[in-house]
Amino acid sequence: MSRILVWDLPTRLFHWLFTATVVAALAIALLVDDDSTLFQVHMLLGLVAGFMVLLRLVWGFAGSRYARFGSFLFGPKALVEYLAGVFRRNGERHLGHNPGSAYAIYAMLLLALGLALSGLMMPSWKALEELHEVMAYSMLLVAGAHFAGIVLHTLRHRENIALSMVNGRKNGDAAQGIGSSNAIIGIVFLALTAGASAVVVNGHDEGARQLTLFGQAFQLGESEHDRDNDREEDHDRRGKKRDGHGRHDRDDHHEHHDDDD
């Protein structure tokens, strides 16, 4: 066997940019308060990640051999057999994506789209908030399982597959490799992603907590007016609660006084 080219440049660029974007978005969501200005960056990153997924979907049908979805389309039986083989130490080595990573990739692509759409619509449709949170934790779970699978594969097959996603190469027969890294398409992918990021940044109004895309304004979290209303409602609830306690105490006092009489 020799070192052959397996992953083209667009696939590798997507892998690392998508990873960095999702990790940053999840970190902000977990560590930063919703009212923070930085939390808006979490939403912008989610939209950029969603856009990259759309490009990946296109490349999944038009890309090179191992980038196409057809090359890692496995049924449930293949997944079970692969996982069983890993724990029995006789698992089959896959030059492209194995069944475990294939299912993780499909799940993360779908979750990223769901998170981007629900995050964009959530301020005007509060019912999506719980769904968005469930998808976010699901993304964490799938990403963690995927990382564990990478470590397990590296130890099991003594093959640094993380490095192969950097240089695109693995050990294999020459006939199994792809002929081109599709560098031009990789540059186009970078240009489109940079352009989409610029559109998102330019359409972002930090003070109003709004994002304007193609003439349509989207609220990024609660507006200042909504937060003021929430504070007033919370103040009213606390006031009513205090009044209720006061009446309860007075009633108890009267009852106690009547008993003494």
Protein backbone atom coordinates (compact mmCIF):
# COMPACT_ATOMS: atom_id res chain seq x y z
CA MET A 1 0.00 0.00 0.00
CA SER A 2 0.97 3.60 -0.55
CA ARG A 3 -0.19 7.02 0.59
CA ILE A 4 -3.14 7.93 -1.63
CA LEU A 5 -5.41 10.95 -1.83
CA VAL A 6 -8.83 10.23 -0.29
CA TRP A 7 -10.28 13.54 0.92
CA ASP A 8 -10.51 16.42 -1.51
CA LEU A 9 -9.88 20.02 -0.41
CA PRO A 10 -13.54 21.15 -0.22
CA THR A 11 -14.34 18.26 2.12
CA ARG A 12 -11.38 19.02 4.35
CA LEU A 13 -12.13 22.75 4.47
CA PHE A 14 -15.74 22.10 5.35
CA HIS A 15 -14.76 19.63 8.07
CA TRP A 16 -12.50 22.03 9.95
CA LEU A 17 -14.47 25.24 9.41
CA PHE A 18 -17.72 23.55 10.37
CA THR A 19 -16.08 22.06 13.47
CA ALA A 20 -14.64 25.41 14.56
CA THR A 21 -17.91 27.26 13.95
CA VAL A 22 -20.09 24.74 15.78
CA VAL A 23 -17.68 24.44 18.73
CA ALA A 24 -17.54 28.24 19.07
CA ALA A 25 -21.33 28.58 18.84
CA LEU A 26 -21.93 25.84 21.42
CA ALA A 27 -19.28 27.25 23.77
CA ILE A 28 -20.89 30.69 23.72
CA ALA A 29 -24.35 29.20 24.26
CA LEU A 30 -23.14 27.24 27.30
CA LEU A 31 -20.91 29.88 28.88
CA VAL A 32 -22.52 33.24 28.06
CA ASP A 33 -25.77 34.68 29.37
CA ASP A 34 -28.59 35.18 26.86
CA ASP A 35 -28.63 38.94 27.48
CA SER A 36 -24.94 39.32 26.63
CA THR A 37 -23.94 40.98 23.38
CA LEU A 38 -21.62 38.05 22.73
CA PHE A 39 -24.61 35.74 22.67
CA GLN A 40 -25.63 37.34 19.37
CA VAL A 41 -22.37 36.04 17.90
CA HIS A 42 -23.57 32.54 18.80
CA MET A 43 -26.59 33.08 16.57
CA LEU A 44 -24.52 34.50 13.70
CA LEU A 45 -22.13 31.55 13.86
CA GLY A 46 -25.09 29.18 13.73
CA LEU A 47 -26.31 30.77 10.51
CA VAL A 48 -22.87 30.55 8.92
CA ALA A 49 -22.66 26.87 9.92
CA GLY A 50 -26.07 26.29 8.35
CA PHE A 51 -24.91 27.92 5.12
CA MET A 52 -21.82 25.71 5.01
CA VAL A 53 -24.03 22.67 5.44
CA LEU A 54 -26.01 23.71 2.35
CA LEU A 55 -22.75 23.86 0.37
CA ARG A 56 -21.78 20.44 1.76
CA LEU A 57 -25.10 19.01 0.63
CA VAL A 58 -24.34 20.14 -2.90
CA TRP A 59 -20.85 18.66 -2.73
CA GLY A 60 -22.33 15.45 -1.36
CA PHE A 61 -23.84 14.85 -4.79
CA ALA A 62 -21.32 16.60 -7.05
CA GLY A 63 -18.07 15.94 -5.23
CA SER A 64 -15.31 13.38 -5.58
CA ARG A 65 -15.67 9.69 -4.77
CA TYR A 66 -15.40 9.72 -0.97
CA ALA A 67 -17.12 13.09 -0.57
CA ARG A 68 -20.36 11.82 -2.12
CA PHE A 69 -23.11 10.64 0.18
CA GLY A 70 -23.46 7.47 -1.86
CA SER A 71 -20.02 6.36 -0.70
CA PHE A 72 -21.06 6.35 2.97
CA LEU A 73 -24.70 5.42 2.79
CA PHE A 74 -25.02 2.48 5.21
CA GLY A 75 -28.05 0.66 6.56
CA PRO A 76 -28.63 -0.01 10.28
CA LYS A 77 -27.30 -3.57 9.90
CA ALA A 78 -23.96 -2.27 8.62
CA LEU A 79 -23.73 0.08 11.60
CA VAL A 80 -24.44 -2.71 14.10
CA GLU A 81 -21.92 -5.02 12.44
CA TYR A 82 -19.29 -2.28 12.37
CA LEU A 83 -19.72 -1.43 16.06
CA ALA A 84 -19.70 -5.10 17.02
CA GLY A 85 -16.53 -5.60 15.00
CA VAL A 86 -14.83 -2.68 16.73
CA PHE A 87 -15.42 -4.17 20.18
CA ARG A 88 -14.40 -7.63 18.97
CA ARG A 89 -11.24 -6.12 17.47
CA ASN A 90 -12.00 -7.50 14.01
CA GLY A 91 -13.77 -4.46 12.59
CA GLU A 92 -13.51 -3.76 8.88
CA ARG A 93 -11.32 -0.83 7.86
CA HIS A 94 -13.03 1.68 5.56
CA LEU A 95 -10.97 3.91 3.33
CA GLY A 96 -13.69 6.55 3.32
CA HIS A 97 -16.22 7.15 6.08
CA ASN A 98 -17.09 4.09 8.16
CA PRO A 99 -20.72 3.40 9.20
CA GLY A 100 -20.21 4.97 12.61
CA SER A 101 -18.84 8.25 11.30
CA ALA A 102 -21.39 8.22 8.46
CA TYR A 103 -24.33 8.24 10.86
CA ALA A 104 -22.65 10.91 12.99
CA ILE A 105 -22.09 13.09 9.94
CA TYR A 106 -25.68 12.80 8.75
CA ALA A 107 -26.94 13.60 12.24
CA MET A 108 -24.70 16.64 12.62
CA LEU A 109 -25.65 18.03 9.21
CA LEU A 110 -29.36 17.72 9.99
CA LEU A 111 -28.95 19.11 13.49
CA ALA A 112 -26.94 22.10 12.23
CA LEU A 113 -29.70 22.98 9.75
CA GLY A 114 -32.35 22.53 12.43
CA LEU A 115 -30.42 24.70 14.88
CA ALA A 116 -29.88 27.47 12.33
CA LEU A 117 -33.56 27.57 11.30
CA SER A 118 -34.99 27.26 14.81
CA GLY A 119 -32.53 29.84 16.15
CA LEU A 120 -33.56 32.29 13.44
CA MET A 121 -37.29 31.78 14.01
CA MET A 122 -37.26 31.28 17.79
CA PRO A 123 -37.63 34.97 18.83
CA SER A 124 -40.96 35.17 16.98
CA TRP A 125 -42.03 31.60 17.78
CA LYS A 126 -41.24 30.81 21.42
CA ALA A 127 -42.42 27.21 21.04
CA LEU A 128 -39.15 26.48 19.20
CA GLU A 129 -37.01 27.33 22.23
CA GLU A 130 -37.27 23.91 23.84
CA LEU A 131 -36.72 22.13 20.51
CA HIS A 132 -33.65 24.27 19.84
CA GLU A 133 -32.21 23.35 23.23
CA VAL A 134 -32.84 19.64 22.66
CA MET A 135 -31.11 19.80 19.27
CA ALA A 136 -28.15 21.68 20.78
CA TYR A 137 -27.57 19.00 23.42
CA SER A 138 -28.08 16.33 20.77
CA MET A 139 -25.34 17.98 18.72
CA LEU A 140 -23.04 17.85 21.74
CA LEU A 141 -23.83 14.16 22.25
CA VAL A 142 -23.28 13.23 18.59
CA ALA A 143 -20.08 15.28 18.33
CA GLY A 144 -18.75 13.64 21.50
CA ALA A 145 -19.56 10.17 20.15
CA HIS A 146 -17.89 11.07 16.85
CA PHE A 147 -14.74 12.23 18.63
CA ALA A 148 -14.67 9.05 20.72
CA GLY A 149 -15.00 7.04 17.50
CA ILE A 150 -12.03 8.85 15.99
CA VAL A 151 -9.89 8.07 19.04
CA LEU A 152 -11.03 4.44 19.05
CA HIS A 153 -10.34 4.05 15.32
CA THR A 154 -6.90 5.64 15.68
CA LEU A 155 -5.97 3.25 18.45
CA ARG A 156 -7.59 0.21 16.84
CA HIS A 157 -6.13 0.59 13.35
CA ARG A 158 -3.05 2.64 14.31
CA GLU A 159 -4.10 5.21 11.72
CA ASN A 160 -4.19 8.95 12.40
CA ILE A 161 -7.45 9.76 10.62
CA ALA A 162 -7.49 13.29 12.05
CA LEU A 163 -4.25 13.95 10.17
CA SER A 164 -5.76 12.46 7.01
CA MET A 165 -8.44 15.15 7.18
CA VAL A 166 -5.60 17.70 7.07
CA ASN A 167 -3.48 16.35 4.23
CA GLY A 168 -6.21 14.26 2.62
CA ARG A 169 -4.12 11.09 2.46
CA LYS A 170 -4.45 7.54 3.77
CA ASN A 171 -2.75 4.21 3.20
CA GLY A 172 -4.38 2.30 0.37
CA ASP A 173 -4.03 0.85 -3.10
CA ALA A 174 -3.27 3.36 -5.82
CA ALA A 175 -6.46 2.46 -7.71
CA GLN A 176 -8.57 3.47 -4.71
CA GLY A 177 -7.39 7.07 -4.57
CA ILE A 178 -9.04 10.11 -6.11
CA GLY A 179 -7.35 11.89 -8.97
CA SER A 180 -7.67 15.51 -7.86
CA SER A 181 -7.98 17.53 -4.67
CA ASN A 182 -10.40 19.92 -6.44
CA ALA A 183 -8.45 22.91 -5.19
CA ILE A 184 -10.43 25.39 -7.30
CA ILE A 185 -13.70 24.17 -5.79
CA GLY A 186 -12.09 24.51 -2.36
CA ILE A 187 -11.27 28.16 -3.10
CA VAL A 188 -14.85 28.70 -4.29
CA PHE A 189 -16.12 27.15 -1.05
CA LEU A 190 -13.96 29.54 0.98
CA ALA A 191 -15.12 32.52 -1.08
CA LEU A 192 -18.79 31.63 -0.70
CA THR A 193 -18.42 31.06 3.03
CA ALA A 194 -16.56 34.35 3.45
CA GLY A 195 -19.23 36.12 1.40
CA ALA A 196 -22.04 34.63 3.48
CA SER A 197 -20.21 35.62 6.68
CA ALA A 198 -19.84 39.19 5.37
CA VAL A 199 -23.56 39.37 4.57
CA VAL A 200 -24.41 38.18 8.08
CA VAL A 201 -22.00 40.61 9.76
CA ASN A 202 -23.11 43.58 7.64
CA GLY A 203 -26.77 42.82 8.31
CA HIS A 204 -26.26 42.61 12.06
CA ASP A 205 -27.47 45.48 14.23
CA GLU A 206 -26.00 44.87 17.65
CA GLY A 207 -27.95 47.60 19.44
CA ALA A 208 -31.33 46.54 18.07
CA ARG A 209 -30.39 42.85 18.33
CA GLN A 210 -31.52 42.35 14.77
CA LEU A 211 -30.25 40.67 11.62
CA THR A 212 -31.40 41.86 8.21
CA LEU A 213 -31.06 39.38 5.37
CA PHE A 214 -32.25 40.29 1.87
CA GLY A 215 -34.56 42.96 3.22
CA GLN A 216 -36.07 40.74 5.93
CA ALA A 217 -35.38 41.63 9.56
CA PHE A 218 -34.97 38.90 12.17
CA GLN A 219 -34.82 39.47 15.89
CA LEU A 220 -31.78 37.98 17.62
CA GLY A 221 -33.19 37.11 21.00
CA GLU A 222 -35.41 39.48 22.96
CA SER A 223 -35.48 43.14 21.99
CA GLU A 224 -34.92 45.86 24.59
CA HIS A 225 -38.66 46.52 24.58
CA ASP A 226 -39.41 42.85 25.25
CA ARG A 227 -36.84 42.72 28.04
CA ASP A 228 -38.38 45.84 29.64
CA ASN A 229 -41.80 44.20 29.47
CA ASP A 230 -40.41 41.03 31.02
CA ARG A 231 -38.83 43.04 33.84
CA GLU A 232 -42.11 44.89 34.45
CA GLU A 233 -44.08 41.63 34.48
CA ASP A 234 -41.54 40.08 36.86
CA HIS A 235 -41.77 43.16 39.10
CA ASP A 236 -45.57 42.94 39.08
CA ARG A 237 -45.44 39.24 39.97
CA ARG A 238 -43.11 39.93 42.87
CA GLY A 239 -45.37 42.76 44.02
CA LYS A 240 -48.47 40.57 43.90
CA LYS A 241 -46.59 37.85 45.73
CA ARG A 242 -45.63 40.30 48.50
CA ASP A 243 -49.21 41.58 48.70
CA GLY A 244 -50.46 38.01 48.93
CA HIS A 245 -48.09 37.27 51.78
CA GLY A 246 -49.18 40.48 53.50
CA ARG A 247 -52.85 39.58 53.27
CA HIS A 248 -52.08 36.07 54.44
CA ASP A 249 -50.23 37.41 57.47
CA ARG A 250 -53.08 39.82 58.29
CA ASP A 251 -55.63 37.04 57.97
CA ASP A 252 -53.58 34.86 60.30
CA HIS A 253 -53.39 37.74 62.77
CA HIS A 254 -57.14 38.28 62.70
CA GLU A 255 -57.78 34.58 63.13
CA HIS A 256 -55.39 34.45 66.06
CA HIS A 257 -57.06 37.51 67.62
CA ASP A 258 -60.51 35.96 67.22
CA ASP A 259 -59.31 32.80 68.92
CA ASP A 260 -58.08 34.83 71.89
CA ASP A 261 -61.49 36.46 72.20
